[in-house]
Amino acid sequence: MTLDVETPPRPELSTGVAADEYDDAEVQGDEYRRAELADALDAGAWEDAFEQWAAETALDDDQWAIVTDLDLLSEFDFFWDSFAGRVGYHAPGLPEDWREREIHPDIDSWGTVSGINAGLTEFGQVVCEVLAEDYIDWEAEEVDADGLPDF
């Protein structure tokens, strides 16, 4: 499915939030390089990623209207995870208590909520991939084997 909409403005990256404070991100280190990532997003990564994602997303026009009405894209955050040597992200999402909070009149099912949350997560991943493949060339910090977590 294709979502035929204009590329929205990129989010301001959350310079006041430590990336390890997000429930959906595990980050070690504190050098997030958000200013450099913002420059790369402005240089075309945001638009490239959005176009790539929109060409294949399962979100429909009604779901996209909810995303834009709630300004969810502004809640994205991207950051450098120096330990893992990758771009990480925090994707916004609709809360589990969406029904009680009545956050939008067109949210009427878990299917809608799940579809939006999955679509935004997929978009965050596409942005990270585009940044890594085409816009940045950073390396992970060198760590010795004693510094790696046991799995």
C-alpha atoms as a PDB file:
ATOM      1  CA  MET A   1       0.000   0.000   0.000  1.00  0.00           C
ATOM      2  CA  THR A   2       1.200   3.520  -0.662  1.00  0.00           C
ATOM      3  CA  LEU A   3       0.519   6.514   1.528  1.00  0.00           C
ATOM      4  CA  ASP A   4       0.401   9.494  -0.821  1.00  0.00           C
ATOM      5  CA  VAL A   5       1.009  12.477   1.465  1.00  0.00           C
ATOM      6  CA  GLU A   6       3.555  15.257   1.732  1.00  0.00           C
ATOM      7  CA  THR A   7       6.651  14.685   3.799  1.00  0.00           C
ATOM      8  CA  PRO A   8       5.994  16.167   7.237  1.00  0.00           C
ATOM      9  CA  PRO A   9       8.561  18.305   9.027  1.00  0.00           C
ATOM     10  CA  ARG A  10      11.199  16.379  10.920  1.00  0.00           C
ATOM     11  CA  PRO A  11      10.998  16.319  14.710  1.00  0.00           C
ATOM     12  CA  GLU A  12      13.186  18.349  16.985  1.00  0.00           C
ATOM     13  CA  LEU A  13      15.430  15.810  18.628  1.00  0.00           C
ATOM     14  CA  SER A  14      15.029  15.613  22.404  1.00  0.00           C
ATOM     15  CA  THR A  15      18.275  17.072  23.652  1.00  0.00           C
ATOM     16  CA  GLY A  16      16.949  17.178  27.193  1.00  0.00           C
ATOM     17  CA  VAL A  17      16.217  13.447  27.371  1.00  0.00           C
ATOM     18  CA  ALA A  18      18.847  10.808  28.049  1.00  0.00           C
ATOM     19  CA  ALA A  19      18.206   8.051  25.522  1.00  0.00           C
ATOM     20  CA  ASP A  20      18.383   5.371  28.202  1.00  0.00           C
ATOM     21  CA  GLU A  21      15.300   6.904  29.853  1.00  0.00           C
ATOM     22  CA  TYR A  22      13.054   5.578  27.080  1.00  0.00           C
ATOM     23  CA  ASP A  23      11.239   2.314  27.769  1.00  0.00           C
ATOM     24  CA  ASP A  24      11.784   1.192  24.174  1.00  0.00           C
ATOM     25  CA  ALA A  25      15.550   1.802  23.952  1.00  0.00           C
ATOM     26  CA  GLU A  26      18.563   0.318  25.664  1.00  0.00           C
ATOM     27  CA  VAL A  27      21.505   2.655  25.228  1.00  0.00           C
ATOM     28  CA  GLN A  28      24.907   2.715  26.835  1.00  0.00           C
ATOM     29  CA  GLY A  29      26.918   5.900  26.764  1.00  0.00           C
ATOM     30  CA  ASP A  30      25.896   9.508  26.745  1.00  0.00           C
ATOM     31  CA  GLU A  31      27.239  10.945  23.493  1.00  0.00           C
ATOM     32  CA  TYR A  32      24.029  11.008  21.448  1.00  0.00           C
ATOM     33  CA  ARG A  33      25.203  13.213  18.534  1.00  0.00           C
ATOM     34  CA  ARG A  34      21.696  14.591  18.056  1.00  0.00           C
ATOM     35  CA  ALA A  35      22.882  17.824  16.437  1.00  0.00           C
ATOM     36  CA  GLU A  36      24.782  15.872  13.787  1.00  0.00           C
ATOM     37  CA  LEU A  37      21.810  13.563  13.245  1.00  0.00           C
ATOM     38  CA  ALA A  38      19.537  16.585  12.875  1.00  0.00           C
ATOM     39  CA  ASP A  39      21.889  17.940  10.206  1.00  0.00           C
ATOM     40  CA  ALA A  40      21.764  14.614   8.358  1.00  0.00           C
ATOM     41  CA  LEU A  41      17.972  14.536   8.597  1.00  0.00           C
ATOM     42  CA  ASP A  42      17.851  18.074   7.196  1.00  0.00           C
ATOM     43  CA  ALA A  43      20.302  17.122   4.438  1.00  0.00           C
ATOM     44  CA  GLY A  44      17.737  14.693   3.037  1.00  0.00           C
ATOM     45  CA  ALA A  45      17.631  11.615   5.268  1.00  0.00           C
ATOM     46  CA  TRP A  46      14.219  12.517   6.705  1.00  0.00           C
ATOM     47  CA  GLU A  47      12.649  13.022   3.291  1.00  0.00           C
ATOM     48  CA  ASP A  48      14.343   9.942   1.796  1.00  0.00           C
ATOM     49  CA  ALA A  49      13.225   7.762   4.695  1.00  0.00           C
ATOM     50  CA  PHE A  50       9.689   9.110   4.654  1.00  0.00           C
ATOM     51  CA  GLU A  51       9.309   8.511   0.922  1.00  0.00           C
ATOM     52  CA  GLN A  52      10.665   4.978   1.266  1.00  0.00           C
ATOM     53  CA  TRP A  53       8.401   4.207   4.218  1.00  0.00           C
ATOM     54  CA  ALA A  54       5.288   5.821   2.694  1.00  0.00           C
ATOM     55  CA  ALA A  55       5.674   3.689  -0.440  1.00  0.00           C
ATOM     56  CA  GLU A  56       5.303   0.492   1.597  1.00  0.00           C
ATOM     57  CA  THR A  57       3.468   1.332   4.821  1.00  0.00           C
ATOM     58  CA  ALA A  58       0.267  -0.401   5.808  1.00  0.00           C
ATOM     59  CA  LEU A  59      -1.085   2.847   7.307  1.00  0.00           C
ATOM     60  CA  ASP A  60      -4.095   4.178   5.470  1.00  0.00           C
ATOM     61  CA  ASP A  61      -5.254   7.761   5.039  1.00  0.00           C
ATOM     62  CA  ASP A  62      -7.535   7.600   8.093  1.00  0.00           C
ATOM     63  CA  GLN A  63      -4.732   6.329  10.328  1.00  0.00           C
ATOM     64  CA  TRP A  64      -2.362   8.937   8.916  1.00  0.00           C
ATOM     65  CA  ALA A  65      -4.929  11.631   9.738  1.00  0.00           C
ATOM     66  CA  ILE A  66      -4.862  10.466  13.367  1.00  0.00           C
ATOM     67  CA  VAL A  67      -1.048  10.551  13.392  1.00  0.00           C
ATOM     68  CA  THR A  68      -1.021  14.115  12.068  1.00  0.00           C
ATOM     69  CA  ASP A  69      -3.946  15.301  14.227  1.00  0.00           C
ATOM     70  CA  LEU A  70      -2.077  14.131  17.329  1.00  0.00           C
ATOM     71  CA  ASP A  71       1.265  15.441  16.004  1.00  0.00           C
ATOM     72  CA  LEU A  72       2.873  12.109  16.821  1.00  0.00           C
ATOM     73  CA  LEU A  73       5.839  12.554  14.480  1.00  0.00           C
ATOM     74  CA  SER A  74       7.081  15.452  16.585  1.00  0.00           C
ATOM     75  CA  GLU A  75       7.640  12.953  19.415  1.00  0.00           C
ATOM     76  CA  PHE A  76      10.238  10.905  17.518  1.00  0.00           C
ATOM     77  CA  ASP A  77      13.775  11.018  18.829  1.00  0.00           C
ATOM     78  CA  PHE A  78      16.922   9.752  17.122  1.00  0.00           C
ATOM     79  CA  PHE A  79      20.287   9.366  18.815  1.00  0.00           C
ATOM     80  CA  TRP A  80      23.652   7.721  18.390  1.00  0.00           C
ATOM     81  CA  ASP A  81      24.293   4.622  20.478  1.00  0.00           C
ATOM     82  CA  SER A  82      28.085   4.700  20.610  1.00  0.00           C
ATOM     83  CA  PHE A  83      28.393   1.365  22.372  1.00  0.00           C
ATOM     84  CA  ALA A  84      26.389  -0.519  19.737  1.00  0.00           C
ATOM     85  CA  GLY A  85      27.649   1.627  16.868  1.00  0.00           C
ATOM     86  CA  ARG A  86      24.198   2.382  15.527  1.00  0.00           C
ATOM     87  CA  VAL A  87      21.515   5.017  15.330  1.00  0.00           C
ATOM     88  CA  GLY A  88      18.781   4.384  17.860  1.00  0.00           C
ATOM     89  CA  TYR A  89      15.340   5.839  18.055  1.00  0.00           C
ATOM     90  CA  HIS A  90      12.321   6.360  20.243  1.00  0.00           C
ATOM     91  CA  ALA A  91       9.046   6.021  18.364  1.00  0.00           C
ATOM     92  CA  PRO A  92       5.901   7.682  19.629  1.00  0.00           C
ATOM     93  CA  GLY A  93       2.818   5.575  20.088  1.00  0.00           C
ATOM     94  CA  LEU A  94      -0.741   5.540  21.225  1.00  0.00           C
ATOM     95  CA  PRO A  95      -1.186   4.512  24.869  1.00  0.00           C
ATOM     96  CA  GLU A  96      -2.850   1.326  26.074  1.00  0.00           C
ATOM     97  CA  ASP A  97      -5.518   3.380  27.825  1.00  0.00           C
ATOM     98  CA  TRP A  98      -6.555   5.109  24.589  1.00  0.00           C
ATOM     99  CA  ARG A  99     -10.219   4.262  25.138  1.00  0.00           C
ATOM    100  CA  GLU A 100     -10.389   5.754  28.651  1.00  0.00           C
ATOM    101  CA  ARG A 101      -8.480   8.858  27.655  1.00  0.00           C
ATOM    102  CA  GLU A 102     -10.528   9.451  24.495  1.00  0.00           C
ATOM    103  CA  ILE A 103      -7.454  10.868  22.784  1.00  0.00           C
ATOM    104  CA  HIS A 104      -8.993  10.995  19.299  1.00  0.00           C
ATOM    105  CA  PRO A 105     -12.582  10.500  18.076  1.00  0.00           C
ATOM    106  CA  ASP A 106     -11.509   8.304  15.138  1.00  0.00           C
ATOM    107  CA  ILE A 107      -9.647   5.775  17.258  1.00  0.00           C
ATOM    108  CA  ASP A 108     -12.228   3.052  17.612  1.00  0.00           C
ATOM    109  CA  SER A 109     -10.355  -0.242  17.845  1.00  0.00           C
ATOM    110  CA  TRP A 110      -7.210  -1.974  18.975  1.00  0.00           C
ATOM    111  CA  GLY A 111      -6.577  -2.662  15.294  1.00  0.00           C
ATOM    112  CA  THR A 112      -6.297   1.060  14.628  1.00  0.00           C
ATOM    113  CA  VAL A 113      -4.041   1.587  17.651  1.00  0.00           C
ATOM    114  CA  SER A 114      -1.821  -1.384  16.800  1.00  0.00           C
ATOM    115  CA  GLY A 115      -1.597  -0.378  13.149  1.00  0.00           C
ATOM    116  CA  ILE A 116      -0.505   3.152  14.002  1.00  0.00           C
ATOM    117  CA  ASN A 117       2.003   2.016  16.619  1.00  0.00           C
ATOM    118  CA  ALA A 118       3.485  -0.600  14.282  1.00  0.00           C
ATOM    119  CA  GLY A 119       3.644   1.883  11.411  1.00  0.00           C
ATOM    120  CA  LEU A 120       5.485   4.455  13.494  1.00  0.00           C
ATOM    121  CA  THR A 121       7.933   1.845  14.760  1.00  0.00           C
ATOM    122  CA  GLU A 122       8.602   0.744  11.176  1.00  0.00           C
ATOM    123  CA  PHE A 123       9.152   4.356  10.158  1.00  0.00           C
ATOM    124  CA  GLY A 124      11.687   4.868  12.947  1.00  0.00           C
ATOM    125  CA  GLN A 125      13.589   1.818  11.754  1.00  0.00           C
ATOM    126  CA  VAL A 126      13.593   3.071   8.147  1.00  0.00           C
ATOM    127  CA  VAL A 127      14.950   6.441   9.268  1.00  0.00           C
ATOM    128  CA  CYS A 128      17.770   4.707  11.151  1.00  0.00           C
ATOM    129  CA  GLU A 129      18.603   2.535   8.150  1.00  0.00           C
ATOM    130  CA  VAL A 130      18.663   5.479   5.745  1.00  0.00           C
ATOM    131  CA  LEU A 131      20.862   7.470   8.113  1.00  0.00           C
ATOM    132  CA  ALA A 132      23.290   4.570   8.527  1.00  0.00           C
ATOM    133  CA  GLU A 133      23.408   3.590   4.865  1.00  0.00           C
ATOM    134  CA  ASP A 134      23.510   6.975   3.178  1.00  0.00           C
ATOM    135  CA  TYR A 135      24.247   9.817   5.588  1.00  0.00           C
ATOM    136  CA  ILE A 136      26.575   8.898   8.430  1.00  0.00           C
ATOM    137  CA  ASP A 137      29.765   6.908   8.744  1.00  0.00           C
ATOM    138  CA  TRP A 138      30.471   6.592  12.434  1.00  0.00           C
ATOM    139  CA  GLU A 139      32.073   3.719  14.255  1.00  0.00           C
ATOM    140  CA  ALA A 140      31.274   2.108  17.581  1.00  0.00           C
ATOM    141  CA  GLU A 141      33.505   2.844  20.528  1.00  0.00           C
ATOM    142  CA  GLU A 142      36.134   0.168  20.981  1.00  0.00           C
ATOM    143  CA  VAL A 143      35.384  -2.014  23.988  1.00  0.00           C
ATOM    144  CA  ASP A 144      37.258  -5.026  25.273  1.00  0.00           C
ATOM    145  CA  ALA A 145      35.529  -8.355  25.695  1.00  0.00           C
ATOM    146  CA  ASP A 146      35.148  -7.734  29.437  1.00  0.00           C
ATOM    147  CA  GLY A 147      32.933  -4.738  28.648  1.00  0.00           C
ATOM    148  CA  LEU A 148      30.382  -6.747  26.667  1.00  0.00           C
ATOM    149  CA  PRO A 149      27.212  -7.996  28.335  1.00  0.00           C
ATOM    150  CA  ASP A 150      26.724 -11.752  28.860  1.00  0.00           C
ATOM    151  CA  PHE A 151      23.858 -13.256  26.916  1.00  0.00           C
END
